[in-house]
PDB file of N, CA and C in Angstrom:
ATOM      1  N   MET A   1     -23.015   7.202  20.128  1.00  0.00           N
ATOM      2  CA  MET A   1     -22.962   7.419  18.812  1.00  0.00           C
ATOM      3  C   MET A   1     -21.635   7.970  18.271  1.00  0.00           C
ATOM      4  N   LYS A   2     -20.854   8.651  18.924  1.00  0.00           N
ATOM      5  CA  LYS A   2     -19.644   9.088  18.300  1.00  0.00           C
ATOM      6  C   LYS A   2     -18.718   7.857  18.177  1.00  0.00           C
ATOM      7  N   ARG A   3     -18.678   6.982  19.075  1.00  0.00           N
ATOM      8  CA  ARG A   3     -17.922   5.720  18.814  1.00  0.00           C
ATOM      9  C   ARG A   3     -18.356   5.079  17.473  1.00  0.00           C
ATOM     10  N   ALA A   4     -19.510   4.894  17.256  1.00  0.00           N
ATOM     11  CA  ALA A   4     -19.956   4.302  15.882  1.00  0.00           C
ATOM     12  C   ALA A   4     -19.397   5.091  14.830  1.00  0.00           C
ATOM     13  N   THR A   5     -19.343   6.427  14.898  1.00  0.00           N
ATOM     14  CA  THR A   5     -18.911   7.238  13.777  1.00  0.00           C
ATOM     15  C   THR A   5     -17.465   6.964  13.593  1.00  0.00           C
ATOM     16  N   SER A   6     -16.639   6.825  14.755  1.00  0.00           N
ATOM     17  CA  SER A   6     -15.208   6.634  14.690  1.00  0.00           C
ATOM     18  C   SER A   6     -14.933   5.192  14.036  1.00  0.00           C
ATOM     19  N   ILE A   7     -15.717   4.339  14.336  1.00  0.00           N
ATOM     20  CA  ILE A   7     -15.727   2.828  13.756  1.00  0.00           C
ATOM     21  C   ILE A   7     -15.907   2.958  12.253  1.00  0.00           C
ATOM     22  N   GLU A   8     -16.963   3.630  11.987  1.00  0.00           N
ATOM     23  CA  GLU A   8     -17.329   3.827  10.445  1.00  0.00           C
ATOM     24  C   GLU A   8     -16.171   4.513   9.753  1.00  0.00           C
ATOM     25  N   ALA A   9     -15.609   5.500  10.346  1.00  0.00           N
ATOM     26  CA  ALA A   9     -14.586   6.274   9.648  1.00  0.00           C
ATOM     27  C   ALA A   9     -13.281   5.482   9.430  1.00  0.00           C
ATOM     28  N   LEU A  10     -13.122   4.582  10.457  1.00  0.00           N
ATOM     29  CA  LEU A  10     -11.930   3.683  10.416  1.00  0.00           C
ATOM     30  C   LEU A  10     -12.148   2.686   9.440  1.00  0.00           C
ATOM     31  N   LEU A  11     -13.270   2.163   9.242  1.00  0.00           N
ATOM     32  CA  LEU A  11     -13.568   1.050   8.250  1.00  0.00           C
ATOM     33  C   LEU A  11     -13.541   1.685   6.807  1.00  0.00           C
ATOM     34  N   ARG A  12     -13.973   2.924   6.613  1.00  0.00           N
ATOM     35  CA  ARG A  12     -13.749   3.708   5.303  1.00  0.00           C
ATOM     36  C   ARG A  12     -12.341   3.738   4.988  1.00  0.00           C
ATOM     37  N   LYS A  13     -11.489   4.275   5.930  1.00  0.00           N
ATOM     38  CA  LYS A  13     -10.033   4.284   5.738  1.00  0.00           C
ATOM     39  C   LYS A  13      -9.507   2.997   5.311  1.00  0.00           C
ATOM     40  N   SER A  14      -9.848   1.972   5.988  1.00  0.00           N
ATOM     41  CA  SER A  14      -9.278   0.685   5.731  1.00  0.00           C
ATOM     42  C   SER A  14      -9.616   0.200   4.364  1.00  0.00           C
ATOM     43  N   GLN A  15     -10.805   0.407   3.850  1.00  0.00           N
ATOM     44  CA  GLN A  15     -11.375   0.061   2.642  1.00  0.00           C
ATOM     45  C   GLN A  15     -10.736   0.873   1.495  1.00  0.00           C
ATOM     46  N   THR A  16     -10.457   2.168   1.793  1.00  0.00           N
ATOM     47  CA  THR A  16      -9.729   3.064   0.931  1.00  0.00           C
ATOM     48  C   THR A  16      -8.342   2.459   0.595  1.00  0.00           C
ATOM     49  N   VAL A  17      -7.701   2.035   1.768  1.00  0.00           N
ATOM     50  CA  VAL A  17      -6.249   1.579   1.685  1.00  0.00           C
ATOM     51  C   VAL A  17      -6.230   0.270   0.833  1.00  0.00           C
ATOM     52  N   PHE A  18      -7.253  -0.681   1.144  1.00  0.00           N
ATOM     53  CA  PHE A  18      -7.318  -1.893   0.472  1.00  0.00           C
ATOM     54  C   PHE A  18      -7.614  -1.712  -1.055  1.00  0.00           C
ATOM     55  N   THR A  19      -8.453  -0.854  -1.381  1.00  0.00           N
ATOM     56  CA  THR A  19      -8.913  -0.526  -2.753  1.00  0.00           C
ATOM     57  C   THR A  19      -7.589   0.025  -3.435  1.00  0.00           C
ATOM     58  N   GLY A  20      -6.825   0.831  -2.959  1.00  0.00           N
ATOM     59  CA  GLY A  20      -5.629   1.473  -3.483  1.00  0.00           C
ATOM     60  C   GLY A  20      -4.605   0.407  -3.728  1.00  0.00           C
ATOM     61  N   LEU A  21      -4.439  -0.558  -2.721  1.00  0.00           N
ATOM     62  CA  LEU A  21      -3.462  -1.609  -2.851  1.00  0.00           C
ATOM     63  C   LEU A  21      -3.936  -2.617  -4.009  1.00  0.00           C
ATOM     64  N   LYS A  22      -5.271  -2.859  -4.068  1.00  0.00           N
ATOM     65  CA  LYS A  22      -5.678  -3.804  -5.078  1.00  0.00           C
ATOM     66  C   LYS A  22      -5.464  -3.144  -6.511  1.00  0.00           C
ATOM     67  N   ARG A  23      -5.654  -1.979  -6.642  1.00  0.00           N
ATOM     68  CA  ARG A  23      -5.400  -1.265  -8.008  1.00  0.00           C
ATOM     69  C   ARG A  23      -3.986  -1.315  -8.270  1.00  0.00           C
ATOM     70  N   ALA A  24      -3.022  -1.000  -7.279  1.00  0.00           N
ATOM     71  CA  ALA A  24      -1.623  -1.161  -7.596  1.00  0.00           C
ATOM     72  C   ALA A  24      -1.249  -2.561  -7.842  1.00  0.00           C
ATOM     73  N   TYR A  25      -1.779  -3.538  -7.281  1.00  0.00           N
ATOM     74  CA  TYR A  25      -1.551  -5.026  -7.607  1.00  0.00           C
ATOM     75  C   TYR A  25      -2.127  -5.353  -8.948  1.00  0.00           C
ATOM     76  N   ASP A  26      -3.344  -4.909  -9.323  1.00  0.00           N
ATOM     77  CA  ASP A  26      -3.887  -5.253 -10.678  1.00  0.00           C
ATOM     78  C   ASP A  26      -3.084  -4.574 -11.714  1.00  0.00           C
ATOM     79  N   ALA A  27      -2.455  -3.490 -11.431  1.00  0.00           N
ATOM     80  CA  ALA A  27      -1.700  -2.719 -12.523  1.00  0.00           C
ATOM     81  C   ALA A  27      -0.426  -3.327 -12.540  1.00  0.00           C
ATOM     82  N   SER A  28       0.035  -4.103 -11.551  1.00  0.00           N
ATOM     83  CA  SER A  28       1.429  -4.791 -11.581  1.00  0.00           C
ATOM     84  C   SER A  28       1.356  -6.114 -12.280  1.00  0.00           C
ATOM     85  N   LEU A  29       0.202  -6.671 -12.632  1.00  0.00           N
ATOM     86  CA  LEU A  29       0.054  -7.794 -13.030  1.00  0.00           C
ATOM     87  C   LEU A  29       0.768  -8.106 -14.537  1.00  0.00           C
ATOM     88  N   GLN A  30       1.097  -6.925 -15.245  1.00  0.00           N
ATOM     89  CA  GLN A  30       1.811  -7.073 -16.453  1.00  0.00           C
ATOM     90  C   GLN A  30       3.120  -7.385 -16.118  1.00  0.00           C
ATOM     91  N   ASP A  31       3.697  -7.038 -14.923  1.00  0.00           N
ATOM     92  CA  ASP A  31       5.004  -7.511 -14.442  1.00  0.00           C
ATOM     93  C   ASP A  31       4.910  -8.669 -13.502  1.00  0.00           C
ATOM     94  N   LYS A  32       4.970  -9.823 -13.844  1.00  0.00           N
ATOM     95  CA  LYS A  32       4.649 -10.961 -13.041  1.00  0.00           C
ATOM     96  C   LYS A  32       5.518 -11.076 -11.782  1.00  0.00           C
ATOM     97  N   PRO A  33       6.861 -10.794 -11.902  1.00  0.00           N
ATOM     98  CA  PRO A  33       7.651 -10.845 -10.649  1.00  0.00           C
ATOM     99  C   PRO A  33       7.180  -9.673  -9.596  1.00  0.00           C
ATOM    100  N   LEU A  34       6.877  -8.523 -10.030  1.00  0.00           N
ATOM    101  CA  LEU A  34       6.369  -7.455  -9.271  1.00  0.00           C
ATOM    102  C   LEU A  34       5.123  -7.917  -8.510  1.00  0.00           C
ATOM    103  N   ALA A  35       4.222  -8.403  -9.313  1.00  0.00           N
ATOM    104  CA  ALA A  35       2.962  -8.737  -8.769  1.00  0.00           C
ATOM    105  C   ALA A  35       3.080  -9.904  -7.658  1.00  0.00           C
ATOM    106  N   GLU A  36       3.923 -10.884  -7.899  1.00  0.00           N
ATOM    107  CA  GLU A  36       4.178 -11.857  -6.890  1.00  0.00           C
ATOM    108  C   GLU A  36       4.800 -11.215  -5.683  1.00  0.00           C
ATOM    109  N   TYR A  37       5.808 -10.335  -5.892  1.00  0.00           N
ATOM    110  CA  TYR A  37       6.371  -9.766  -4.791  1.00  0.00           C
ATOM    111  C   TYR A  37       5.332  -8.922  -3.883  1.00  0.00           C
ATOM    112  N   LEU A  38       4.431  -8.119  -4.520  1.00  0.00           N
ATOM    113  CA  LEU A  38       3.527  -7.503  -3.747  1.00  0.00           C
ATOM    114  C   LEU A  38       2.567  -8.261  -3.006  1.00  0.00           C
ATOM    115  N   LYS A  39       2.225  -9.299  -3.695  1.00  0.00           N
ATOM    116  CA  LYS A  39       1.203 -10.296  -3.108  1.00  0.00           C
ATOM    117  C   LYS A  39       1.836 -10.903  -1.884  1.00  0.00           C
ATOM    118  N   ALA A  40       3.056 -11.424  -1.956  1.00  0.00           N
ATOM    119  CA  ALA A  40       3.764 -12.002  -0.905  1.00  0.00           C
ATOM    120  C   ALA A  40       4.155 -11.018   0.236  1.00  0.00           C
ATOM    121  N   SER A  41       4.327  -9.728   0.025  1.00  0.00           N
ATOM    122  CA  SER A  41       4.856  -8.740   0.894  1.00  0.00           C
ATOM    123  C   SER A  41       3.899  -7.936   1.756  1.00  0.00           C
ATOM    124  N   ILE A  42       2.595  -7.808   1.150  1.00  0.00           N
ATOM    125  CA  ILE A  42       1.620  -7.013   1.764  1.00  0.00           C
ATOM    126  C   ILE A  42       0.529  -7.928   2.264  1.00  0.00           C
ATOM    127  N   LYS A  43       0.262  -7.709   3.593  1.00  0.00           N
ATOM    128  CA  LYS A  43      -0.651  -8.564   4.310  1.00  0.00           C
ATOM    129  C   LYS A  43      -1.738  -7.523   4.880  1.00  0.00           C
ATOM    130  N   HIS A  44      -2.981  -7.912   4.710  1.00  0.00           N
ATOM    131  CA  HIS A  44      -4.104  -7.024   5.209  1.00  0.00           C
ATOM    132  C   HIS A  44      -5.057  -7.866   5.991  1.00  0.00           C
ATOM    133  N   GLY A  45      -5.571  -7.294   6.966  1.00  0.00           N
ATOM    134  CA  GLY A  45      -6.556  -7.816   7.839  1.00  0.00           C
ATOM    135  C   GLY A  45      -7.065  -6.607   8.689  1.00  0.00           C
ATOM    136  N   ASN A  46      -6.868  -6.693  10.012  1.00  0.00           N
ATOM    137  CA  ASN A  46      -7.159  -5.574  10.736  1.00  0.00           C
ATOM    138  C   ASN A  46      -6.273  -4.319  10.499  1.00  0.00           C
ATOM    139  N   GLU A  47      -5.004  -4.553  10.031  1.00  0.00           N
ATOM    140  CA  GLU A  47      -4.096  -3.626   9.641  1.00  0.00           C
ATOM    141  C   GLU A  47      -3.481  -4.064   8.312  1.00  0.00           C
ATOM    142  N   VAL A  48      -2.909  -2.991   7.594  1.00  0.00           N
ATOM    143  CA  VAL A  48      -2.145  -3.276   6.424  1.00  0.00           C
ATOM    144  C   VAL A  48      -0.718  -3.260   6.772  1.00  0.00           C
ATOM    145  N   VAL A  49       0.053  -4.397   6.512  1.00  0.00           N
ATOM    146  CA  VAL A  49       1.553  -4.471   6.858  1.00  0.00           C
ATOM    147  C   VAL A  49       2.115  -4.888   5.693  1.00  0.00           C
ATOM    148  N   TYR A  50       3.289  -4.063   5.398  1.00  0.00           N
ATOM    149  CA  TYR A  50       4.336  -4.314   4.338  1.00  0.00           C
ATOM    150  C   TYR A  50       5.439  -5.023   5.109  1.00  0.00           C
ATOM    151  N   LYS A  51       5.651  -6.404   4.717  1.00  0.00           N
ATOM    152  CA  LYS A  51       6.628  -7.157   5.391  1.00  0.00           C
ATOM    153  C   LYS A  51       7.268  -8.109   4.415  1.00  0.00           C
ATOM    154  N   PRO A  52       8.248  -7.620   3.564  1.00  0.00           N
ATOM    155  CA  PRO A  52       8.895  -8.495   2.603  1.00  0.00           C
ATOM    156  C   PRO A  52       9.634  -9.674   3.324  1.00  0.00           C
ATOM    157  N   GLU A  53       9.775 -10.674   2.609  1.00  0.00           N
ATOM    158  CA  GLU A  53      10.569 -11.858   3.286  1.00  0.00           C
ATOM    159  C   GLU A  53      12.134 -11.470   3.563  1.00  0.00           C
ATOM    160  N   MET A  54      12.702 -10.743   2.710  1.00  0.00           N
ATOM    161  CA  MET A  54      14.049 -10.182   2.845  1.00  0.00           C
ATOM    162  C   MET A  54      13.889  -8.642   3.076  1.00  0.00           C
ATOM    163  N   PRO A  55      14.710  -8.119   4.092  1.00  0.00           N
ATOM    164  CA  PRO A  55      14.562  -6.700   4.438  1.00  0.00           C
ATOM    165  C   PRO A  55      15.047  -5.864   3.118  1.00  0.00           C
ATOM    166  N   VAL A  56      14.243  -4.762   3.060  1.00  0.00           N
ATOM    167  CA  VAL A  56      14.474  -3.888   1.801  1.00  0.00           C
ATOM    168  C   VAL A  56      15.006  -2.471   2.336  1.00  0.00           C
ATOM    169  N   THR A  57      16.121  -1.994   1.685  1.00  0.00           N
ATOM    170  CA  THR A  57      16.382  -0.671   2.038  1.00  0.00           C
ATOM    171  C   THR A  57      16.032   0.228   0.815  1.00  0.00           C
ATOM    172  N   TRP A  58      15.134   1.132   1.124  1.00  0.00           N
ATOM    173  CA  TRP A  58      14.767   2.212   0.230  1.00  0.00           C
ATOM    174  C   TRP A  58      15.585   3.349   0.115  1.00  0.00           C
ATOM    175  N   GLU A  59      15.977   3.756  -1.110  1.00  0.00           N
ATOM    176  CA  GLU A  59      16.631   5.043  -1.186  1.00  0.00           C
ATOM    177  C   GLU A  59      15.702   6.089  -1.756  1.00  0.00           C
ATOM    178  N   VAL A  60      15.481   7.080  -0.926  1.00  0.00           N
ATOM    179  CA  VAL A  60      14.429   8.107  -1.372  1.00  0.00           C
ATOM    180  C   VAL A  60      15.078   9.472  -1.459  1.00  0.00           C
ATOM    181  N   ARG A  61      14.612  10.253  -2.353  1.00  0.00           N
ATOM    182  CA  ARG A  61      15.134  11.582  -2.694  1.00  0.00           C
ATOM    183  C   ARG A  61      13.908  12.471  -2.817  1.00  0.00           C
ATOM    184  N   PRO A  62      14.025  13.821  -2.254  1.00  0.00           N
ATOM    185  CA  PRO A  62      12.919  14.655  -2.454  1.00  0.00           C
ATOM    186  C   PRO A  62      12.675  15.062  -3.903  1.00  0.00           C
ATOM    187  N   ILE A  63      11.331  15.258  -4.207  1.00  0.00           N
ATOM    188  CA  ILE A  63      11.092  15.673  -5.578  1.00  0.00           C
ATOM    189  C   ILE A  63      10.452  17.047  -5.387  1.00  0.00           C
ATOM    190  N   PHE A  64      10.980  18.041  -6.058  1.00  0.00           N
ATOM    191  CA  PHE A  64      10.479  19.337  -6.088  1.00  0.00           C
ATOM    192  C   PHE A  64       9.760  19.874  -7.364  1.00  0.00           C
ATOM    193  N   ASN A  65       8.570  20.322  -7.274  1.00  0.00           N
ATOM    194  CA  ASN A  65       7.944  20.820  -8.491  1.00  0.00           C
ATOM    195  C   ASN A  65       7.705  19.593  -9.437  1.00  0.00           C
ATOM    196  N   HIS A  66       7.413  18.536  -8.997  1.00  0.00           N
ATOM    197  CA  HIS A  66       7.277  17.194  -9.834  1.00  0.00           C
ATOM    198  C   HIS A  66       8.453  16.849 -10.566  1.00  0.00           C
ATOM    199  N   GLU A  67       9.645  17.361 -10.275  1.00  0.00           N
ATOM    200  CA  GLU A  67      10.921  16.991 -11.042  1.00  0.00           C
ATOM    201  C   GLU A  67      11.682  16.184 -10.264  1.00  0.00           C
ATOM    202  N   ILE A  68      12.319  15.150 -10.797  1.00  0.00           N
ATOM    203  CA  ILE A  68      13.265  14.266 -10.091  1.00  0.00           C
ATOM    204  C   ILE A  68      14.678  14.889 -10.182  1.00  0.00           C
ATOM    205  N   PRO A  69      15.275  15.106  -9.037  1.00  0.00           N
ATOM    206  CA  PRO A  69      16.554  15.731  -8.938  1.00  0.00           C
ATOM    207  C   PRO A  69      17.598  14.736  -9.622  1.00  0.00           C
ATOM    208  N   LYS A  70      18.596  15.382 -10.139  1.00  0.00           N
ATOM    209  CA  LYS A  70      19.717  14.692 -10.915  1.00  0.00           C
ATOM    210  C   LYS A  70      20.767  14.507  -9.980  1.00  0.00           C
TER     211      LYS A  70
END
């Protein structure tokens, strides 16, 4: 019984990720290049994988109190 619960929890998590990605994709449709990029770069099946055709280097900075540092 515990295994079934674990599988159900995994499926719920997978569905939650898929739903979030679908919402992001739908919201990006106003920006056609972004929508095409997301569609080509995110694969989903048993796992969700972000794998763009060309490697991307992300620059990230911490945000404190919802403010973007200058």
